[in-house]
Amino acid sequence: MGNDRVIKTAVVGVGHLGQHHARLYSLMEAESPPVGAAESPPVGAAESPPGRGVELVGVSDTDEKAGRKIAEKYGTRFFPDPDELIGKVEAVSIATPTVHHYEV
């Protein structure tokens, strides 16, 4: 039996790239089995794709209006302070301008 664990993710920064990450996590959440769940390989594929069990826990941005809009669009929570995500997620996409990565 495989690992049926779901990886909890978030996106910090909802500009162009952050929106893309949130969209992809949302799609992975909606269309994918938990990590390690049995999955039949596509016809003609050598092996099944890697596990993609993902939950988009939330998004964070300094622009509250933009952050709430993206959170609503992808059915997740908005966190005004990215520190609120600590302990709630296992992986984060830092999609802020590069000069702010260290700060986040």
C-alpha atoms as a PDB file:
ATOM      1  CA  MET A   1       0.000   0.000   0.000  1.00  0.00           C
ATOM      2  CA  GLY A   2       1.358   3.443  -0.926  1.00  0.00           C
ATOM      3  CA  ASN A   3       1.623   6.647   0.991  1.00  0.00           C
ATOM      4  CA  ASP A   4      -1.781   8.356   0.758  1.00  0.00           C
ATOM      5  CA  ARG A   5      -0.455  11.591   2.219  1.00  0.00           C
ATOM      6  CA  VAL A   6      -1.448  14.959   0.774  1.00  0.00           C
ATOM      7  CA  ILE A   7       1.224  17.681   0.600  1.00  0.00           C
ATOM      8  CA  LYS A   8      -0.076  20.956   2.025  1.00  0.00           C
ATOM      9  CA  THR A   9       1.086  23.924  -0.046  1.00  0.00           C
ATOM     10  CA  ALA A  10       0.760  27.702  -0.188  1.00  0.00           C
ATOM     11  CA  VAL A  11       1.751  30.554  -2.468  1.00  0.00           C
ATOM     12  CA  VAL A  12       3.299  33.789  -1.203  1.00  0.00           C
ATOM     13  CA  GLY A  13       2.872  36.541  -3.784  1.00  0.00           C
ATOM     14  CA  VAL A  14      -0.078  36.509  -6.181  1.00  0.00           C
ATOM     15  CA  GLY A  15       1.341  38.458  -9.084  1.00  0.00           C
ATOM     16  CA  HIS A  16       1.667  36.813 -12.500  1.00  0.00           C
ATOM     17  CA  LEU A  17       3.813  33.852 -11.390  1.00  0.00           C
ATOM     18  CA  GLY A  18       2.028  33.444  -8.060  1.00  0.00           C
ATOM     19  CA  GLN A  19      -1.325  33.212  -9.816  1.00  0.00           C
ATOM     20  CA  HIS A  20       0.144  30.553 -12.096  1.00  0.00           C
ATOM     21  CA  HIS A  21       1.405  28.537  -9.095  1.00  0.00           C
ATOM     22  CA  ALA A  22      -1.948  28.850  -7.287  1.00  0.00           C
ATOM     23  CA  ARG A  23      -3.780  27.710 -10.414  1.00  0.00           C
ATOM     24  CA  LEU A  24      -1.515  24.693 -10.854  1.00  0.00           C
ATOM     25  CA  TYR A  25      -1.746  23.666  -7.189  1.00  0.00           C
ATOM     26  CA  SER A  26      -5.516  24.019  -7.426  1.00  0.00           C
ATOM     27  CA  LEU A  27      -5.626  21.809 -10.524  1.00  0.00           C
ATOM     28  CA  MET A  28      -3.366  19.248  -8.867  1.00  0.00           C
ATOM     29  CA  GLU A  29      -5.648  19.268  -5.838  1.00  0.00           C
ATOM     30  CA  ALA A  30      -8.784  18.743  -7.902  1.00  0.00           C
ATOM     31  CA  GLU A  31      -7.491  16.151 -10.352  1.00  0.00           C
ATOM     32  CA  SER A  32      -4.900  14.097  -8.523  1.00  0.00           C
ATOM     33  CA  PRO A  33      -4.807  11.179  -6.144  1.00  0.00           C
ATOM     34  CA  PRO A  34      -2.865  11.466  -2.881  1.00  0.00           C
ATOM     35  CA  VAL A  35       0.903  10.978  -3.095  1.00  0.00           C
ATOM     36  CA  GLY A  36       1.642   7.282  -3.461  1.00  0.00           C
ATOM     37  CA  ALA A  37      -1.948   6.284  -4.238  1.00  0.00           C
ATOM     38  CA  ALA A  38      -2.354   3.542  -6.797  1.00  0.00           C
ATOM     39  CA  GLU A  39      -2.750   5.037 -10.230  1.00  0.00           C
ATOM     40  CA  SER A  40      -2.943   3.297 -13.580  1.00  0.00           C
ATOM     41  CA  PRO A  41      -0.377   4.504 -16.104  1.00  0.00           C
ATOM     42  CA  PRO A  42      -1.736   6.253 -19.192  1.00  0.00           C
ATOM     43  CA  VAL A  43      -2.001   3.988 -22.223  1.00  0.00           C
ATOM     44  CA  GLY A  44       1.425   3.736 -23.805  1.00  0.00           C
ATOM     45  CA  ALA A  45       3.242   5.212 -20.802  1.00  0.00           C
ATOM     46  CA  ALA A  46       6.237   3.366 -19.402  1.00  0.00           C
ATOM     47  CA  GLU A  47       5.187   4.116 -15.837  1.00  0.00           C
ATOM     48  CA  SER A  48       2.605   6.097 -13.941  1.00  0.00           C
ATOM     49  CA  PRO A  49       3.268   9.793 -13.307  1.00  0.00           C
ATOM     50  CA  PRO A  50       4.644  10.755  -9.898  1.00  0.00           C
ATOM     51  CA  GLY A  51       2.168  11.192  -7.062  1.00  0.00           C
ATOM     52  CA  ARG A  52       0.606  14.637  -7.000  1.00  0.00           C
ATOM     53  CA  GLY A  53      -1.612  14.707  -3.933  1.00  0.00           C
ATOM     54  CA  VAL A  54      -1.675  18.417  -3.136  1.00  0.00           C
ATOM     55  CA  GLU A  55      -3.836  20.712  -1.020  1.00  0.00           C
ATOM     56  CA  LEU A  56      -3.619  24.469  -1.612  1.00  0.00           C
ATOM     57  CA  VAL A  57      -3.959  25.669   1.988  1.00  0.00           C
ATOM     58  CA  GLY A  58      -3.765  29.353   1.157  1.00  0.00           C
ATOM     59  CA  VAL A  59      -2.177  32.344  -0.504  1.00  0.00           C
ATOM     60  CA  SER A  60      -0.539  35.436   0.941  1.00  0.00           C
ATOM     61  CA  ASP A  61       0.228  38.836  -0.540  1.00  0.00           C
ATOM     62  CA  THR A  62       0.900  42.384   0.645  1.00  0.00           C
ATOM     63  CA  ASP A  63      -1.986  43.498  -1.592  1.00  0.00           C
ATOM     64  CA  GLU A  64      -4.987  42.256   0.384  1.00  0.00           C
ATOM     65  CA  LYS A  65      -7.479  42.874  -2.431  1.00  0.00           C
ATOM     66  CA  ALA A  66      -5.428  40.863  -4.942  1.00  0.00           C
ATOM     67  CA  GLY A  67      -4.732  38.127  -2.397  1.00  0.00           C
ATOM     68  CA  ARG A  68      -8.385  37.708  -1.469  1.00  0.00           C
ATOM     69  CA  LYS A  69      -9.382  37.660  -5.148  1.00  0.00           C
ATOM     70  CA  ILE A  70      -6.967  34.814  -5.939  1.00  0.00           C
ATOM     71  CA  ALA A  71      -7.896  32.919  -2.762  1.00  0.00           C
ATOM     72  CA  GLU A  72     -11.564  33.094  -3.733  1.00  0.00           C
ATOM     73  CA  LYS A  73     -10.840  32.145  -7.338  1.00  0.00           C
ATOM     74  CA  TYR A  74      -9.045  28.962  -6.263  1.00  0.00           C
ATOM     75  CA  GLY A  75     -11.186  28.090  -3.255  1.00  0.00           C
ATOM     76  CA  THR A  76      -8.595  28.644  -0.567  1.00  0.00           C
ATOM     77  CA  ARG A  77      -7.806  31.022   2.313  1.00  0.00           C
ATOM     78  CA  PHE A  78      -6.070  34.378   2.203  1.00  0.00           C
ATOM     79  CA  PHE A  79      -3.349  34.989   4.792  1.00  0.00           C
ATOM     80  CA  PRO A  80      -2.389  38.681   5.165  1.00  0.00           C
ATOM     81  CA  ASP A  81       0.842  37.655   6.937  1.00  0.00           C
ATOM     82  CA  PRO A  82       2.845  34.783   5.400  1.00  0.00           C
ATOM     83  CA  ASP A  83       4.096  33.877   8.895  1.00  0.00           C
ATOM     84  CA  GLU A  84       0.559  32.596   9.571  1.00  0.00           C
ATOM     85  CA  LEU A  85       1.327  29.738   7.170  1.00  0.00           C
ATOM     86  CA  ILE A  86       4.054  28.346   9.450  1.00  0.00           C
ATOM     87  CA  GLY A  87       2.933  24.988  10.778  1.00  0.00           C
ATOM     88  CA  LYS A  88       0.045  24.785   8.307  1.00  0.00           C
ATOM     89  CA  VAL A  89       1.993  23.893   5.152  1.00  0.00           C
ATOM     90  CA  GLU A  90       4.861  21.674   4.054  1.00  0.00           C
ATOM     91  CA  ALA A  91       5.789  23.491   0.852  1.00  0.00           C
ATOM     92  CA  VAL A  92       5.566  27.114  -0.250  1.00  0.00           C
ATOM     93  CA  SER A  93       6.036  28.775  -3.614  1.00  0.00           C
ATOM     94  CA  ILE A  94       7.741  32.109  -2.990  1.00  0.00           C
ATOM     95  CA  ALA A  95       6.459  34.120  -5.949  1.00  0.00           C
ATOM     96  CA  THR A  96       7.366  37.586  -4.741  1.00  0.00           C
ATOM     97  CA  PRO A  97       9.869  39.789  -6.568  1.00  0.00           C
ATOM     98  CA  THR A  98      13.334  38.251  -6.171  1.00  0.00           C
ATOM     99  CA  VAL A  99      14.600  41.074  -3.941  1.00  0.00           C
ATOM    100  CA  HIS A 100      11.983  40.060  -1.327  1.00  0.00           C
ATOM    101  CA  HIS A 101      12.675  36.297  -1.275  1.00  0.00           C
ATOM    102  CA  TYR A 102      15.072  36.385   1.696  1.00  0.00           C
ATOM    103  CA  GLU A 103      12.686  38.559   3.697  1.00  0.00           C
ATOM    104  CA  VAL A 104       9.837  36.085   3.140  1.00  0.00           C
END
